[in-house]
Amino acid sequence: MRIDLPQDVDLDENHYELHCIYLHPYYLRQGIGTKAIMSAFDTVRELEKGF
């Protein structure tokens, strides 16, 4: 999983993009992808605390 500042020129530093997330097919339909997305949200919240 990779989270970074947006590549779109019309967005500012108050936005982030999830560039990639990969999940092995064996782990599909088990809620792991949802947990990964929630982890990405938590990471962004932590990054915002630094500003």
PDB file of N, CA and C in Angstrom:
ATOM      1  N   MET A   1       0.846  -1.152   0.000  1.00  0.00           N
ATOM      2  CA  MET A   1       0.000   0.000   0.000  1.00  0.00           C
ATOM      3  C   MET A   1       0.903   1.229   0.000  1.00  0.00           C
ATOM      4  N   ARG A   2       0.483   2.215  -0.799  1.00  0.00           N
ATOM      5  CA  ARG A   2       1.273   3.445  -0.871  1.00  0.00           C
ATOM      6  C   ARG A   2       0.347   4.649  -0.841  1.00  0.00           C
ATOM      7  N   ILE A   3       0.577   5.528   0.111  1.00  0.00           N
ATOM      8  CA  ILE A   3      -0.193   6.754   0.250  1.00  0.00           C
ATOM      9  C   ILE A   3       0.762   7.922   0.029  1.00  0.00           C
ATOM     10  N   ASP A   4       0.308   8.884  -0.771  1.00  0.00           N
ATOM     11  CA  ASP A   4       1.180  10.019  -1.080  1.00  0.00           C
ATOM     12  C   ASP A   4       0.329  11.250  -1.352  1.00  0.00           C
ATOM     13  N   LEU A   5       0.985  12.391  -1.481  1.00  0.00           N
ATOM     14  CA  LEU A   5       0.286  13.606  -1.873  1.00  0.00           C
ATOM     15  C   LEU A   5      -0.257  13.424  -3.290  1.00  0.00           C
ATOM     16  N   PRO A   6      -1.315  14.148  -3.657  1.00  0.00           N
ATOM     17  CA  PRO A   6      -1.947  13.942  -4.963  1.00  0.00           C
ATOM     18  C   PRO A   6      -1.052  14.369  -6.123  1.00  0.00           C
ATOM     19  N   GLN A   7      -1.255  13.714  -7.239  1.00  0.00           N
ATOM     20  CA  GLN A   7      -0.541  14.069  -8.456  1.00  0.00           C
ATOM     21  C   GLN A   7      -1.324  15.088  -9.278  1.00  0.00           C
ATOM     22  N   ASP A   8      -2.604  15.261  -8.977  1.00  0.00           N
ATOM     23  CA  ASP A   8      -3.426  16.248  -9.675  1.00  0.00           C
ATOM     24  C   ASP A   8      -2.982  17.650  -9.275  1.00  0.00           C
ATOM     25  N   VAL A   9      -2.790  18.510 -10.249  1.00  0.00           N
ATOM     26  CA  VAL A   9      -2.309  19.864  -9.959  1.00  0.00           C
ATOM     27  C   VAL A   9      -3.379  20.730  -9.304  1.00  0.00           C
ATOM     28  N   ASP A  10      -4.654  20.355  -9.436  1.00  0.00           N
ATOM     29  CA  ASP A  10      -5.716  21.176  -8.862  1.00  0.00           C
ATOM     30  C   ASP A  10      -6.025  20.813  -7.408  1.00  0.00           C
ATOM     31  N   LEU A  11      -5.305  19.863  -6.829  1.00  0.00           N
ATOM     32  CA  LEU A  11      -5.491  19.490  -5.432  1.00  0.00           C
ATOM     33  C   LEU A  11      -4.315  19.992  -4.601  1.00  0.00           C
ATOM     34  N   ASP A  12      -4.596  20.357  -3.365  1.00  0.00           N
ATOM     35  CA  ASP A  12      -3.544  20.891  -2.501  1.00  0.00           C
ATOM     36  C   ASP A  12      -3.066  19.830  -1.507  1.00  0.00           C
ATOM     37  N   GLU A  13      -2.271  20.282  -0.531  1.00  0.00           N
ATOM     38  CA  GLU A  13      -1.681  19.348   0.435  1.00  0.00           C
ATOM     39  C   GLU A  13      -2.688  18.826   1.453  1.00  0.00           C
ATOM     40  N   ASN A  14      -3.948  19.247   1.338  1.00  0.00           N
ATOM     41  CA  ASN A  14      -4.996  18.713   2.204  1.00  0.00           C
ATOM     42  C   ASN A  14      -5.615  17.440   1.647  1.00  0.00           C
ATOM     43  N   HIS A  15      -5.069  16.945   0.544  1.00  0.00           N
ATOM     44  CA  HIS A  15      -5.572  15.736  -0.097  1.00  0.00           C
ATOM     45  C   HIS A  15      -4.458  14.703  -0.193  1.00  0.00           C
ATOM     46  N   TYR A  16      -4.842  13.450  -0.141  1.00  0.00           N
ATOM     47  CA  TYR A  16      -3.901  12.348  -0.323  1.00  0.00           C
ATOM     48  C   TYR A  16      -4.471  11.369  -1.331  1.00  0.00           C
ATOM     49  N   GLU A  17      -3.611  10.584  -1.925  1.00  0.00           N
ATOM     50  CA  GLU A  17      -4.033   9.547  -2.861  1.00  0.00           C
ATOM     51  C   GLU A  17      -3.503   8.200  -2.405  1.00  0.00           C
ATOM     52  N   LEU A  18      -4.328   7.205  -2.566  1.00  0.00           N
ATOM     53  CA  LEU A  18      -3.907   5.830  -2.367  1.00  0.00           C
ATOM     54  C   LEU A  18      -3.448   5.349  -3.736  1.00  0.00           C
ATOM     55  N   HIS A  19      -2.133   5.210  -3.890  1.00  0.00           N
ATOM     56  CA  HIS A  19      -1.588   4.892  -5.212  1.00  0.00           C
ATOM     57  C   HIS A  19      -1.733   3.423  -5.573  1.00  0.00           C
ATOM     58  N   CYS A  20      -1.616   2.570  -4.611  1.00  0.00           N
ATOM     59  CA  CYS A  20      -1.740   1.150  -4.934  1.00  0.00           C
ATOM     60  C   CYS A  20      -2.077   0.360  -3.673  1.00  0.00           C
ATOM     61  N   ILE A  21      -2.771  -0.716  -3.885  1.00  0.00           N
ATOM     62  CA  ILE A  21      -3.027  -1.676  -2.824  1.00  0.00           C
ATOM     63  C   ILE A  21      -3.135  -3.043  -3.510  1.00  0.00           C
ATOM     64  N   TYR A  22      -2.421  -3.973  -2.997  1.00  0.00           N
ATOM     65  CA  TYR A  22      -2.405  -5.306  -3.581  1.00  0.00           C
ATOM     66  C   TYR A  22      -2.834  -6.323  -2.533  1.00  0.00           C
ATOM     67  N   LEU A  23      -3.620  -7.281  -2.963  1.00  0.00           N
ATOM     68  CA  LEU A  23      -4.089  -8.333  -2.075  1.00  0.00           C
ATOM     69  C   LEU A  23      -4.031  -9.652  -2.831  1.00  0.00           C
ATOM     70  N   HIS A  24      -3.381 -10.631  -2.242  1.00  0.00           N
ATOM     71  CA  HIS A  24      -3.277 -11.945  -2.868  1.00  0.00           C
ATOM     72  C   HIS A  24      -4.671 -12.556  -2.987  1.00  0.00           C
ATOM     73  N   PRO A  25      -4.951 -13.218  -4.106  1.00  0.00           N
ATOM     74  CA  PRO A  25      -6.285 -13.800  -4.306  1.00  0.00           C
ATOM     75  C   PRO A  25      -6.740 -14.743  -3.183  1.00  0.00           C
ATOM     76  N   TYR A  26      -5.820 -15.374  -2.511  1.00  0.00           N
ATOM     77  CA  TYR A  26      -6.203 -16.274  -1.414  1.00  0.00           C
ATOM     78  C   TYR A  26      -6.899 -15.524  -0.276  1.00  0.00           C
ATOM     79  N   TYR A  27      -6.691 -14.213  -0.194  1.00  0.00           N
ATOM     80  CA  TYR A  27      -7.218 -13.433   0.913  1.00  0.00           C
ATOM     81  C   TYR A  27      -8.446 -12.600   0.542  1.00  0.00           C
ATOM     82  N   LEU A  28      -8.985 -12.824  -0.652  1.00  0.00           N
ATOM     83  CA  LEU A  28     -10.167 -12.092  -1.067  1.00  0.00           C
ATOM     84  C   LEU A  28     -11.392 -12.548  -0.274  1.00  0.00           C
ATOM     85  N   ARG A  29     -12.343 -11.628  -0.132  1.00  0.00           N
ATOM     86  CA  ARG A  29     -13.641 -11.903   0.508  1.00  0.00           C
ATOM     87  C   ARG A  29     -13.515 -12.286   1.985  1.00  0.00           C
ATOM     88  N   GLN A  30     -12.467 -11.772   2.635  1.00  0.00           N
ATOM     89  CA  GLN A  30     -12.276 -12.041   4.057  1.00  0.00           C
ATOM     90  C   GLN A  30     -12.235 -10.755   4.885  1.00  0.00           C
ATOM     91  N   GLY A  31     -12.468  -9.622   4.238  1.00  0.00           N
ATOM     92  CA  GLY A  31     -12.457  -8.349   4.941  1.00  0.00           C
ATOM     93  C   GLY A  31     -11.075  -7.739   5.099  1.00  0.00           C
ATOM     94  N   ILE A  32     -10.073  -8.390   4.542  1.00  0.00           N
ATOM     95  CA  ILE A  32      -8.702  -7.902   4.685  1.00  0.00           C
ATOM     96  C   ILE A  32      -8.489  -6.628   3.872  1.00  0.00           C
ATOM     97  N   GLY A  33      -9.073  -6.554   2.688  1.00  0.00           N
ATOM     98  CA  GLY A  33      -8.969  -5.338   1.875  1.00  0.00           C
ATOM     99  C   GLY A  33      -9.610  -4.150   2.581  1.00  0.00           C
ATOM    100  N   THR A  34     -10.746  -4.389   3.217  1.00  0.00           N
ATOM    101  CA  THR A  34     -11.409  -3.333   3.982  1.00  0.00           C
ATOM    102  C   THR A  34     -10.522  -2.863   5.123  1.00  0.00           C
ATOM    103  N   LYS A  35      -9.889  -3.799   5.807  1.00  0.00           N
ATOM    104  CA  LYS A  35      -8.980  -3.436   6.898  1.00  0.00           C
ATOM    105  C   LYS A  35      -7.788  -2.640   6.370  1.00  0.00           C
ATOM    106  N   ALA A  36      -7.310  -2.995   5.178  1.00  0.00           N
ATOM    107  CA  ALA A  36      -6.187  -2.263   4.582  1.00  0.00           C
ATOM    108  C   ALA A  36      -6.592  -0.827   4.249  1.00  0.00           C
ATOM    109  N   ILE A  37      -7.799  -0.637   3.707  1.00  0.00           N
ATOM    110  CA  ILE A  37      -8.277   0.711   3.397  1.00  0.00           C
ATOM    111  C   ILE A  37      -8.447   1.512   4.682  1.00  0.00           C
ATOM    112  N   MET A  38      -8.987   0.900   5.712  1.00  0.00           N
ATOM    113  CA  MET A  38      -9.150   1.588   6.994  1.00  0.00           C
ATOM    114  C   MET A  38      -7.784   1.967   7.570  1.00  0.00           C
ATOM    115  N   SER A  39      -6.799   1.116   7.384  1.00  0.00           N
ATOM    116  CA  SER A  39      -5.441   1.422   7.814  1.00  0.00           C
ATOM    117  C   SER A  39      -4.893   2.623   7.041  1.00  0.00           C
ATOM    118  N   ALA A  40      -5.215   2.707   5.752  1.00  0.00           N
ATOM    119  CA  ALA A  40      -4.784   3.853   4.943  1.00  0.00           C
ATOM    120  C   ALA A  40      -5.399   5.136   5.489  1.00  0.00           C
ATOM    121  N   PHE A  41      -6.682   5.093   5.844  1.00  0.00           N
ATOM    122  CA  PHE A  41      -7.332   6.269   6.439  1.00  0.00           C
ATOM    123  C   PHE A  41      -6.648   6.656   7.740  1.00  0.00           C
ATOM    124  N   ASP A  42      -6.317   5.676   8.566  1.00  0.00           N
ATOM    125  CA  ASP A  42      -5.630   5.959   9.830  1.00  0.00           C
ATOM    126  C   ASP A  42      -4.264   6.598   9.587  1.00  0.00           C
ATOM    127  N   THR A  43      -3.561   6.110   8.570  1.00  0.00           N
ATOM    128  CA  THR A  43      -2.251   6.660   8.232  1.00  0.00           C
ATOM    129  C   THR A  43      -2.371   8.129   7.837  1.00  0.00           C
ATOM    130  N   VAL A  44      -3.366   8.451   7.017  1.00  0.00           N
ATOM    131  CA  VAL A  44      -3.568   9.840   6.595  1.00  0.00           C
ATOM    132  C   VAL A  44      -3.910  10.706   7.804  1.00  0.00           C
ATOM    133  N   ARG A  45      -4.739  10.202   8.700  1.00  0.00           N
ATOM    134  CA  ARG A  45      -5.059  10.976   9.913  1.00  0.00           C
ATOM    135  C   ARG A  45      -3.791  11.261  10.721  1.00  0.00           C
ATOM    136  N   GLU A  46      -2.896  10.308  10.816  1.00  0.00           N
ATOM    137  CA  GLU A  46      -1.638  10.517  11.525  1.00  0.00           C
ATOM    138  C   GLU A  46      -0.760  11.539  10.798  1.00  0.00           C
ATOM    139  N   LEU A  47      -0.738  11.483   9.467  1.00  0.00           N
ATOM    140  CA  LEU A  47       0.036  12.450   8.692  1.00  0.00           C
ATOM    141  C   LEU A  47      -0.511  13.855   8.893  1.00  0.00           C
ATOM    142  N   GLU A  48      -1.821  13.991   8.965  1.00  0.00           N
ATOM    143  CA  GLU A  48      -2.427  15.299   9.153  1.00  0.00           C
ATOM    144  C   GLU A  48      -2.083  15.889  10.525  1.00  0.00           C
ATOM    145  N   LYS A  49      -1.867  15.072  11.508  1.00  0.00           N
ATOM    146  CA  LYS A  49      -1.499  15.567  12.835  1.00  0.00           C
ATOM    147  C   LYS A  49      -0.157  16.273  12.815  1.00  0.00           C
ATOM    148  N   GLY A  50       0.684  15.915  11.853  1.00  0.00           N
ATOM    149  CA  GLY A  50       2.008  16.513  11.756  1.00  0.00           C
ATOM    150  C   GLY A  50       1.999  17.924  11.192  1.00  0.00           C
ATOM    151  N   PHE A  51       0.880  18.371  10.631  1.00  0.00           N
ATOM    152  CA  PHE A  51       0.815  19.703  10.019  1.00  0.00           C
ATOM    153  C   PHE A  51       0.356  20.734  10.990  1.00  0.00           C
TER     154      PHE A  51
END
